[in-house]
N, C-alpha and C. Protein backbone atom coordinates (compact mmCIF):
# COMPACT_ATOMS: atom_id res chain seq x y z
N MET A 1 15.16 -9.91 0.57
CA MET A 1 16.50 -9.10 0.43
C MET A 1 15.86 -8.41 -1.14
N MET A 2 16.09 -9.44 -2.21
CA MET A 2 16.12 -9.10 -3.58
C MET A 2 14.56 -8.73 -3.64
N LYS A 3 13.45 -8.91 -3.64
CA LYS A 3 12.59 -8.58 -3.60
C LYS A 3 12.38 -7.12 -3.27
N LEU A 4 12.79 -6.80 -1.70
CA LEU A 4 12.51 -5.07 -1.66
C LEU A 4 13.31 -4.58 -2.46
N PHE A 5 14.60 -4.68 -2.93
CA PHE A 5 15.06 -4.06 -3.63
C PHE A 5 14.39 -3.74 -5.10
N VAL A 6 13.91 -4.79 -5.60
CA VAL A 6 12.83 -4.63 -6.54
C VAL A 6 12.13 -3.65 -6.42
N ALA A 7 11.27 -3.89 -5.43
CA ALA A 7 10.03 -2.96 -5.20
C ALA A 7 10.66 -1.53 -5.07
N ALA A 8 11.75 -1.04 -4.30
CA ALA A 8 12.36 0.02 -4.34
C ALA A 8 12.96 0.54 -5.49
N LEU A 9 13.00 -0.03 -6.29
CA LEU A 9 13.69 0.09 -7.56
C LEU A 9 12.27 0.50 -8.70
N LEU A 10 11.54 -0.03 -8.67
CA LEU A 10 10.18 0.23 -9.12
C LEU A 10 9.58 1.61 -8.88
N VAL A 11 9.75 1.82 -7.61
CA VAL A 11 9.03 2.93 -7.07
C VAL A 11 10.10 4.21 -7.40
N ARG A 12 11.33 3.96 -7.50
CA ARG A 12 11.79 4.95 -7.91
C ARG A 12 11.50 5.35 -9.50
N VAL A 13 11.91 4.24 -10.09
CA VAL A 13 11.59 4.45 -11.46
C VAL A 13 10.29 5.14 -11.79
N LEU A 14 9.02 4.73 -11.12
CA LEU A 14 8.17 5.67 -11.11
C LEU A 14 7.84 6.44 -10.76
N GLU A 15 9.11 7.27 -9.90
CA GLU A 15 9.04 8.74 -9.02
C GLU A 15 10.12 9.55 -10.37
N LEU A 16 10.46 9.12 -11.34
CA LEU A 16 11.45 9.70 -12.11
C LEU A 16 11.27 10.11 -13.31
N MET A 17 9.66 8.89 -13.54
CA MET A 17 9.39 9.11 -15.04
C MET A 17 8.65 10.59 -15.26
N PRO A 18 8.75 11.03 -16.27
CA PRO A 18 8.02 12.59 -16.84
C PRO A 18 6.24 12.08 -16.70
N ALA A 19 5.68 13.04 -16.37
CA ALA A 19 4.16 12.71 -16.27
C ALA A 19 3.78 12.23 -17.98
N ARG A 20 4.08 12.76 -19.08
CA ARG A 20 3.71 12.72 -20.21
C ARG A 20 4.37 11.01 -20.54
N THR A 21 5.04 10.13 -20.03
CA THR A 21 5.43 8.84 -20.29
C THR A 21 3.90 8.15 -19.35
N TYR A 22 3.47 8.48 -18.67
CA TYR A 22 2.37 7.54 -18.37
C TYR A 22 1.14 7.23 -19.32
N ALA A 23 1.06 8.21 -20.28
CA ALA A 23 0.07 7.70 -21.38
C ALA A 23 0.33 6.61 -21.86
N GLN A 24 -0.81 5.76 -22.36
CA GLN A 24 -0.85 4.32 -22.46
C GLN A 24 -0.99 4.48 -23.82
N SER A 25 -0.37 3.24 -24.92
CA SER A 25 -0.72 3.41 -25.97
C SER A 25 -1.74 2.40 -26.37
N THR A 26 -2.52 1.51 -25.64
CA THR A 26 -3.75 1.00 -25.91
C THR A 26 -4.62 2.11 -24.61
N PRO A 27 -5.47 2.38 -25.10
CA PRO A 27 -6.50 3.55 -24.33
C PRO A 27 -7.30 2.46 -23.02
N MET A 28 -7.23 3.07 -22.33
CA MET A 28 -7.83 2.41 -21.23
C MET A 28 -9.21 1.85 -21.06
N SER A 29 -9.55 0.62 -21.22
CA SER A 29 -11.23 0.52 -21.33
C SER A 29 -11.78 1.09 -19.86
N GLU A 30 -13.19 1.88 -20.04
CA GLU A 30 -13.90 2.96 -18.81
C GLU A 30 -14.18 1.92 -18.14
N GLU A 31 -14.72 0.62 -18.35
CA GLU A 31 -15.33 -0.45 -17.95
C GLU A 31 -14.00 -0.91 -16.90
N LEU A 32 -12.70 -1.49 -17.30
CA LEU A 32 -11.93 -1.31 -16.45
C LEU A 32 -11.71 -0.59 -15.31
N PHE A 33 -11.67 0.77 -15.48
CA PHE A 33 -11.20 1.55 -14.61
C PHE A 33 -12.66 1.81 -13.57
N LYS A 34 -13.82 1.97 -13.87
CA LYS A 34 -15.12 1.49 -13.42
C LYS A 34 -14.92 0.72 -12.43
N THR A 35 -14.50 -0.81 -12.71
CA THR A 35 -14.57 -2.09 -12.04
C THR A 35 -13.24 -1.43 -11.00
N ILE A 36 -12.10 -1.09 -11.44
CA ILE A 36 -11.10 -0.73 -10.09
C ILE A 36 -11.53 0.03 -9.44
N GLN A 37 -11.84 1.29 -9.86
CA GLN A 37 -12.84 2.49 -8.84
C GLN A 37 -13.81 1.82 -7.76
N ALA A 38 -14.62 1.07 -8.73
CA ALA A 38 -15.46 0.16 -7.56
C ALA A 38 -14.93 -0.86 -6.46
N LEU A 39 -13.70 -1.49 -6.78
CA LEU A 39 -13.10 -2.39 -6.00
C LEU A 39 -12.47 -1.23 -4.84
N ASP A 40 -11.89 -0.42 -5.09
CA ASP A 40 -11.16 0.65 -4.42
C ASP A 40 -12.15 1.63 -3.40
N THR A 41 -13.17 1.53 -3.72
CA THR A 41 -14.26 2.24 -3.11
C THR A 41 -14.48 1.12 -2.32
N GLN A 42 -14.81 0.02 -2.28
CA GLN A 42 -15.31 -1.38 -1.51
C GLN A 42 -14.26 -1.19 -0.49
N PHE A 43 -12.56 -1.76 -0.73
CA PHE A 43 -11.82 -1.69 0.20
C PHE A 43 -11.93 -0.75 1.10
N LEU A 44 -11.58 0.61 0.64
CA LEU A 44 -11.64 1.63 1.74
C LEU A 44 -12.72 1.64 2.36
N ASP A 45 -13.62 1.16 2.08
CA ASP A 45 -15.01 1.24 2.95
C ASP A 45 -14.88 0.14 4.26
N VAL A 46 -14.68 -1.00 3.64
CA VAL A 46 -14.42 -1.72 4.49
C VAL A 46 -12.95 -2.01 5.82
N TYR A 47 -12.25 -1.27 4.89
CA TYR A 47 -11.02 -0.83 5.50
C TYR A 47 -11.00 -0.04 7.20
N ASN A 48 -11.96 1.27 6.28
CA ASN A 48 -12.27 2.07 7.67
C ASN A 48 -13.26 1.38 8.33
N HIS A 49 -13.96 0.37 8.19
CA HIS A 49 -15.16 -0.19 9.16
C HIS A 49 -14.04 -1.29 10.00
N CYS A 50 -13.04 -1.50 9.52
CA CYS A 50 -12.29 -2.70 10.48
C CYS A 50 -13.27 -3.78 10.18
N ASP A 51 -13.53 -4.24 8.58
CA ASP A 51 -13.99 -5.50 8.44
C ASP A 51 -12.88 -6.59 7.69
N LEU A 52 -12.53 -7.19 8.95
CA LEU A 52 -11.22 -8.01 8.16
C LEU A 52 -11.71 -9.30 7.50
N ALA A 53 -13.20 -9.23 7.81
CA ALA A 53 -13.55 -10.71 6.93
C ALA A 53 -13.43 -10.28 5.46
N THR A 54 -14.23 -9.23 5.26
CA THR A 54 -14.22 -8.61 3.80
C THR A 54 -12.84 -8.41 2.99
N ILE A 55 -12.16 -7.81 3.93
CA ILE A 55 -10.61 -7.43 3.76
C ILE A 55 -10.10 -8.47 3.21
N SER A 56 -10.21 -9.36 4.15
CA SER A 56 -9.14 -11.09 3.86
C SER A 56 -9.77 -11.48 2.16
N SER A 57 -10.97 -11.36 2.11
CA SER A 57 -11.77 -11.99 1.11
C SER A 57 -11.14 -10.86 -0.63
N MET A 58 -10.75 -9.70 -0.39
CA MET A 58 -10.31 -9.12 -1.46
C MET A 58 -8.62 -9.10 -1.67
N ILE A 59 -8.38 -9.81 -0.70
CA ILE A 59 -6.71 -10.27 -1.04
C ILE A 59 -6.10 -11.28 -0.92
N ALA A 60 -5.12 -11.65 -1.88
CA ALA A 60 -4.69 -12.89 -2.48
C ALA A 60 -4.03 -13.74 -1.10
N ASP A 61 -3.79 -14.93 -1.06
CA ASP A 61 -3.24 -15.77 0.31
C ASP A 61 -1.55 -15.22 0.38
N ASP A 62 -0.73 -15.10 -1.26
CA ASP A 62 0.37 -14.69 -1.15
C ASP A 62 0.65 -13.24 -1.33
N LEU A 63 -0.13 -12.22 -0.74
CA LEU A 63 -0.02 -10.88 -0.92
C LEU A 63 1.40 -10.67 -0.33
N GLU A 64 2.09 -9.47 -1.21
CA GLU A 64 3.29 -8.93 -0.93
C GLU A 64 3.08 -7.41 -0.73
N PHE A 65 3.20 -7.25 0.56
CA PHE A 65 2.81 -5.47 0.83
C PHE A 65 3.68 -4.69 1.54
N TYR A 66 4.43 -4.01 0.38
CA TYR A 66 5.58 -3.27 0.73
C TYR A 66 5.64 -1.89 1.31
N HIS A 67 5.73 -1.27 2.48
CA HIS A 67 5.43 -0.25 2.95
C HIS A 67 6.98 0.69 3.36
N ASP A 68 7.22 1.74 2.77
CA ASP A 68 8.00 2.78 3.29
C ASP A 68 8.41 2.89 4.88
N LYS A 69 7.79 2.27 5.65
CA LYS A 69 8.11 3.09 7.03
C LYS A 69 7.77 1.97 8.02
N ALA A 70 7.00 0.48 7.32
CA ALA A 70 6.92 -0.79 8.04
C ALA A 70 8.01 -1.74 7.54
N GLY A 71 7.85 -1.44 6.22
CA GLY A 71 8.76 -2.70 5.56
C GLY A 71 7.83 -3.61 5.00
N LEU A 72 8.22 -5.06 4.77
CA LEU A 72 7.66 -5.69 3.73
C LEU A 72 6.60 -6.49 4.67
N ALA A 73 5.79 -6.70 4.13
CA ALA A 73 4.67 -8.16 4.78
C ALA A 73 4.20 -8.93 4.00
N LEU A 74 4.88 -10.01 4.21
CA LEU A 74 3.87 -11.22 3.31
C LEU A 74 3.06 -12.09 3.68
N GLY A 75 1.74 -12.20 2.84
CA GLY A 75 0.93 -13.21 3.27
C GLY A 75 -0.18 -12.57 3.27
N ARG A 76 -1.43 -13.06 3.38
CA ARG A 76 -3.11 -12.20 3.94
C ARG A 76 -3.23 -12.33 5.52
N GLN A 77 -2.42 -12.71 6.18
CA GLN A 77 -2.11 -13.61 7.83
C GLN A 77 -1.79 -11.82 8.34
N ALA A 78 -0.67 -11.88 7.44
CA ALA A 78 0.62 -10.88 7.87
C ALA A 78 -0.30 -9.33 8.15
N LEU A 79 -0.77 -9.10 6.74
CA LEU A 79 -1.63 -7.75 6.62
C LEU A 79 -2.72 -7.85 7.52
N LEU A 80 -3.76 -8.61 7.90
CA LEU A 80 -4.54 -8.52 8.58
C LEU A 80 -3.98 -8.33 9.79
N ASP A 81 -2.99 -8.72 10.60
CA ASP A 81 -2.51 -9.18 11.92
C ASP A 81 -2.40 -7.31 11.82
N GLY A 82 -1.17 -7.12 11.19
CA GLY A 82 -0.78 -5.44 10.84
C GLY A 82 -2.33 -4.41 11.03
N LEU A 83 -3.31 -4.74 10.40
CA LEU A 83 -4.12 -3.74 10.14
C LEU A 83 -5.11 -3.87 11.85
N LYS A 84 -5.42 -4.95 12.17
CA LYS A 84 -6.00 -5.26 13.42
C LYS A 84 -5.05 -4.71 14.61
N SER A 85 -3.80 -4.63 14.67
CA SER A 85 -3.20 -3.95 15.70
C SER A 85 -2.84 -2.67 15.82
N ASN A 86 -2.78 -1.91 14.43
CA ASN A 86 -2.36 -0.85 13.97
C ASN A 86 -3.06 0.25 13.48
N MET A 87 -3.89 -0.24 12.27
CA MET A 87 -5.14 0.81 11.89
C MET A 87 -6.50 0.57 12.33
N CYS A 88 -7.03 -0.55 12.61
CA CYS A 88 -8.60 -0.80 13.18
C CYS A 88 -8.77 0.58 13.98
N ASN A 89 -9.65 1.10 13.82
CA ASN A 89 -10.20 2.41 14.71
C ASN A 89 -9.32 3.18 14.97
N LYS A 90 -8.10 3.66 14.73
CA LYS A 90 -7.32 4.52 14.53
C LYS A 90 -6.88 5.49 13.46
N VAL A 91 -7.43 5.12 12.25
CA VAL A 91 -6.98 5.45 10.97
C VAL A 91 -8.24 5.20 10.22
N THR A 92 -8.48 6.11 9.20
CA THR A 92 -8.81 6.02 8.37
C THR A 92 -9.00 6.41 6.74
N ARG A 93 -8.92 6.21 5.62
CA ARG A 93 -8.24 6.53 4.63
C ARG A 93 -9.24 6.75 3.40
N GLU A 94 -8.65 7.54 2.31
CA GLU A 94 -9.89 7.78 1.55
C GLU A 94 -8.95 8.24 0.20
N LEU A 95 -9.39 7.85 -1.04
CA LEU A 95 -8.58 8.13 -2.04
C LEU A 95 -8.54 9.91 -2.61
N VAL A 96 -7.68 10.34 -2.61
CA VAL A 96 -7.45 11.53 -3.07
C VAL A 96 -7.92 11.99 -4.28
N PRO A 97 -9.24 12.51 -4.71
CA PRO A 97 -10.18 12.68 -5.88
C PRO A 97 -8.94 13.29 -7.07
N GLY A 98 -8.84 12.71 -8.10
CA GLY A 98 -8.26 13.06 -9.42
C GLY A 98 -7.03 12.38 -9.47
N THR A 99 -6.52 11.21 -8.16
CA THR A 99 -5.17 10.55 -8.71
C THR A 99 -5.52 9.51 -8.97
N LEU A 100 -6.67 8.98 -9.24
CA LEU A 100 -6.75 7.16 -9.57
C LEU A 100 -6.57 7.14 -11.11
N GLU A 101 -5.45 6.22 -11.18
CA GLU A 101 -5.18 5.64 -12.46
C GLU A 101 -5.02 4.44 -12.98
N VAL A 102 -5.83 3.87 -13.53
CA VAL A 102 -5.64 2.38 -13.90
C VAL A 102 -5.29 2.02 -15.40
N TYR A 103 -4.44 0.68 -15.34
CA TYR A 103 -3.66 0.15 -16.68
C TYR A 103 -4.12 -1.39 -16.47
N PRO A 104 -4.63 -1.54 -17.56
CA PRO A 104 -4.43 -2.75 -18.02
C PRO A 104 -3.27 -3.91 -17.99
N ILE A 105 -2.93 -5.28 -17.58
CA ILE A 105 -2.05 -6.31 -17.38
C ILE A 105 -2.38 -7.40 -18.08
N ALA A 106 -2.28 -7.49 -19.36
CA ALA A 106 -2.86 -8.77 -19.88
C ALA A 106 -2.32 -9.94 -19.56
N LYS A 107 -3.71 -10.63 -19.54
CA LYS A 107 -3.71 -12.07 -18.95
C LYS A 107 -3.22 -11.93 -17.55
N TYR A 108 -3.49 -10.90 -16.94
CA TYR A 108 -3.74 -10.72 -15.14
C TYR A 108 -4.58 -10.10 -14.57
N GLY A 109 -4.50 -8.65 -15.07
CA GLY A 109 -5.52 -8.11 -14.35
C GLY A 109 -5.10 -6.95 -14.71
N ALA A 110 -5.10 -5.77 -13.56
CA ALA A 110 -4.68 -4.61 -13.46
C ALA A 110 -3.54 -4.08 -12.77
N VAL A 111 -3.48 -2.50 -12.92
CA VAL A 111 -2.59 -2.32 -12.00
C VAL A 111 -2.98 -0.60 -11.64
N GLU A 112 -3.47 -0.63 -10.65
CA GLU A 112 -4.06 1.02 -9.63
C GLU A 112 -2.83 1.98 -9.07
N ILE A 113 -2.94 2.97 -9.40
CA ILE A 113 -1.79 3.92 -8.80
C ILE A 113 -2.81 5.28 -8.29
N GLY A 114 -2.71 5.42 -7.53
CA GLY A 114 -3.06 6.82 -6.80
C GLY A 114 -2.62 7.71 -5.34
N VAL A 115 -3.27 8.18 -4.74
CA VAL A 115 -2.75 8.71 -3.54
C VAL A 115 -3.95 8.62 -2.26
N HIS A 116 -3.50 8.17 -1.40
CA HIS A 116 -4.81 7.90 -0.15
C HIS A 116 -4.42 9.28 0.85
N ARG A 117 -5.52 9.78 1.38
CA ARG A 117 -5.29 10.67 2.68
C ARG A 117 -5.53 9.69 3.71
N PHE A 118 -4.50 9.91 4.97
CA PHE A 118 -4.83 9.20 6.03
C PHE A 118 -5.43 10.46 7.54
N HIS A 119 -6.37 9.60 7.94
CA HIS A 119 -6.85 10.45 9.02
C HIS A 119 -6.69 9.90 9.94
N HIS A 120 -6.03 10.57 11.34
CA HIS A 120 -5.70 10.19 12.28
C HIS A 120 -6.62 10.52 13.54
N PRO A 121 -7.74 10.23 13.49
CA PRO A 121 -9.10 10.92 14.33
C PRO A 121 -8.06 11.45 16.16
N GLY A 122 -8.66 12.64 16.21
CA GLY A 122 -8.01 13.15 17.69
C GLY A 122 -8.16 14.78 17.44
N PRO A 123 -7.39 15.09 18.59
CA PRO A 123 -7.94 16.88 18.71
C PRO A 123 -7.66 17.59 17.51
N ASP A 124 -6.29 17.14 17.22
CA ASP A 124 -6.05 17.74 15.95
C ASP A 124 -5.93 17.44 14.50
N ASP A 125 -6.40 16.01 14.74
CA ASP A 125 -7.34 14.77 13.26
C ASP A 125 -5.99 15.12 12.54
N ASP A 126 -4.65 14.71 12.44
CA ASP A 126 -3.34 14.48 12.06
C ASP A 126 -4.05 13.89 10.68
N VAL A 127 -3.65 14.54 9.44
CA VAL A 127 -3.89 14.29 8.11
C VAL A 127 -2.58 13.49 7.47
N GLY A 128 -2.54 13.02 6.80
CA GLY A 128 -0.98 12.56 5.94
C GLY A 128 -1.55 11.98 4.64
N GLU A 129 -0.80 11.89 3.66
CA GLU A 129 -0.82 11.41 2.32
C GLU A 129 0.29 10.59 1.91
N ALA A 130 -0.18 9.45 1.42
CA ALA A 130 0.65 8.51 0.67
C ALA A 130 0.51 8.26 -0.73
N LYS A 131 1.27 7.94 -1.49
CA LYS A 131 1.19 7.24 -2.69
C LYS A 131 0.87 5.70 -2.67
N PHE A 132 0.33 5.13 -3.49
CA PHE A 132 0.23 3.57 -3.70
C PHE A 132 0.12 3.18 -5.21
N VAL A 133 0.51 1.87 -5.19
CA VAL A 133 0.34 1.10 -6.42
C VAL A 133 -0.26 -0.36 -5.97
N GLN A 134 -1.20 -0.52 -6.56
CA GLN A 134 -1.72 -2.15 -6.34
C GLN A 134 -1.79 -3.16 -7.66
N LEU A 135 -1.50 -3.92 -7.46
CA LEU A 135 -1.69 -5.01 -8.18
C LEU A 135 -3.15 -5.92 -8.34
N TRP A 136 -4.10 -5.70 -8.99
CA TRP A 136 -5.34 -6.48 -8.98
C TRP A 136 -5.01 -7.72 -9.80
N GLU A 137 -5.43 -9.01 -9.29
CA GLU A 137 -5.74 -10.02 -10.29
C GLU A 137 -7.06 -10.61 -10.52
N ASN A 138 -7.35 -11.08 -11.78
CA ASN A 138 -8.54 -11.19 -11.95
C ASN A 138 -8.81 -12.71 -12.46
N LYS A 139 -9.11 -13.64 -11.49
CA LYS A 139 -9.04 -14.66 -11.96
C LYS A 139 -10.39 -15.30 -11.96
N ASP A 140 -10.68 -15.50 -12.97
CA ASP A 140 -12.57 -16.30 -13.01
C ASP A 140 -13.48 -15.29 -13.05
N GLY A 141 -13.03 -14.14 -12.96
CA GLY A 141 -14.11 -12.70 -12.41
C GLY A 141 -13.77 -12.82 -11.12
N LYS A 142 -12.74 -12.77 -10.13
CA LYS A 142 -13.01 -12.87 -8.90
C LYS A 142 -11.76 -12.00 -8.94
N TRP A 143 -11.84 -10.76 -8.20
CA TRP A 143 -10.31 -9.87 -8.33
C TRP A 143 -9.74 -9.93 -6.88
N LYS A 144 -8.89 -9.82 -6.81
CA LYS A 144 -7.85 -9.71 -5.47
C LYS A 144 -6.52 -8.81 -5.57
N ILE A 145 -6.51 -8.24 -4.65
CA ILE A 145 -5.10 -7.72 -4.44
C ILE A 145 -3.99 -8.41 -4.34
N THR A 146 -2.83 -8.65 -5.22
CA THR A 146 -1.94 -9.67 -5.09
C THR A 146 -0.62 -8.82 -4.51
N ARG A 147 -0.55 -7.64 -4.89
CA ARG A 147 0.71 -7.08 -4.25
C ARG A 147 0.54 -5.42 -4.07
N ALA A 148 0.81 -4.77 -3.27
CA ALA A 148 0.71 -3.46 -2.87
C ALA A 148 1.91 -2.88 -2.49
N ILE A 149 2.10 -1.50 -2.67
CA ILE A 149 3.11 -0.83 -2.36
C ILE A 149 2.95 0.68 -2.14
N SER A 150 3.07 1.00 -0.86
CA SER A 150 2.64 1.86 -0.14
C SER A 150 3.71 3.05 0.16
N PHE A 151 3.99 4.37 -0.44
CA PHE A 151 5.32 4.91 0.10
C PHE A 151 4.83 6.51 -0.03
N ASP A 152 6.25 7.13 0.09
CA ASP A 152 6.19 8.62 0.41
C ASP A 152 5.18 9.29 1.24
N HIS A 153 5.16 8.53 2.21
CA HIS A 153 3.98 8.75 3.65
C HIS A 153 4.67 10.16 4.02
N GLN A 154 3.98 11.53 4.42
CA GLN A 154 4.35 12.58 4.35
C GLN A 154 2.41 13.41 5.29
N PRO A 155 3.31 14.22 6.00
CA PRO A 155 2.19 15.36 6.04
C PRO A 155 1.30 15.69 5.20
N ALA A 156 -0.13 15.62 4.95
CA ALA A 156 -0.90 16.85 3.80
C ALA A 156 -0.67 18.03 3.64
N ALA A 157 -0.80 18.15 2.84
CA ALA A 157 -0.72 19.87 2.19
C ALA A 157 -1.65 20.43 3.01
N LYS A 158 -1.32 21.66 3.43
CA LYS A 158 -2.70 22.47 4.52
C LYS A 158 -2.89 23.29 3.30
């Protein structure tokens, strides 16, 4: 319960901060941005093709995934089970251009922030969007998602 409270508090703080406070005192490395951007592109591709083996290799065993509608999923297997039963071949996801932000986390990795657009294929191609935050850990050159928050799900602006 405490973890959920902390995650909700973090989300609320991020929502309330004026845009200008997102400026970094240390310039973001272009290399780090490109690395996380490439990882995000790869993750979206395997997500959209329901490649659970590759998804599994990109997330930590002790993953914490906070979702504003579904709640908390703990561990890699919980996420994989959820994707398999609720998302595979039912939803595709893409990064909304211009929304990706990447910030270094010293001695850990990076935080990725952005907006994803979800497509629910069908006669109306139902489209929604949600904000997300992902923590990427870099351990010995291997990047994995350790924490993720997906929130503010709503229909995409027409």
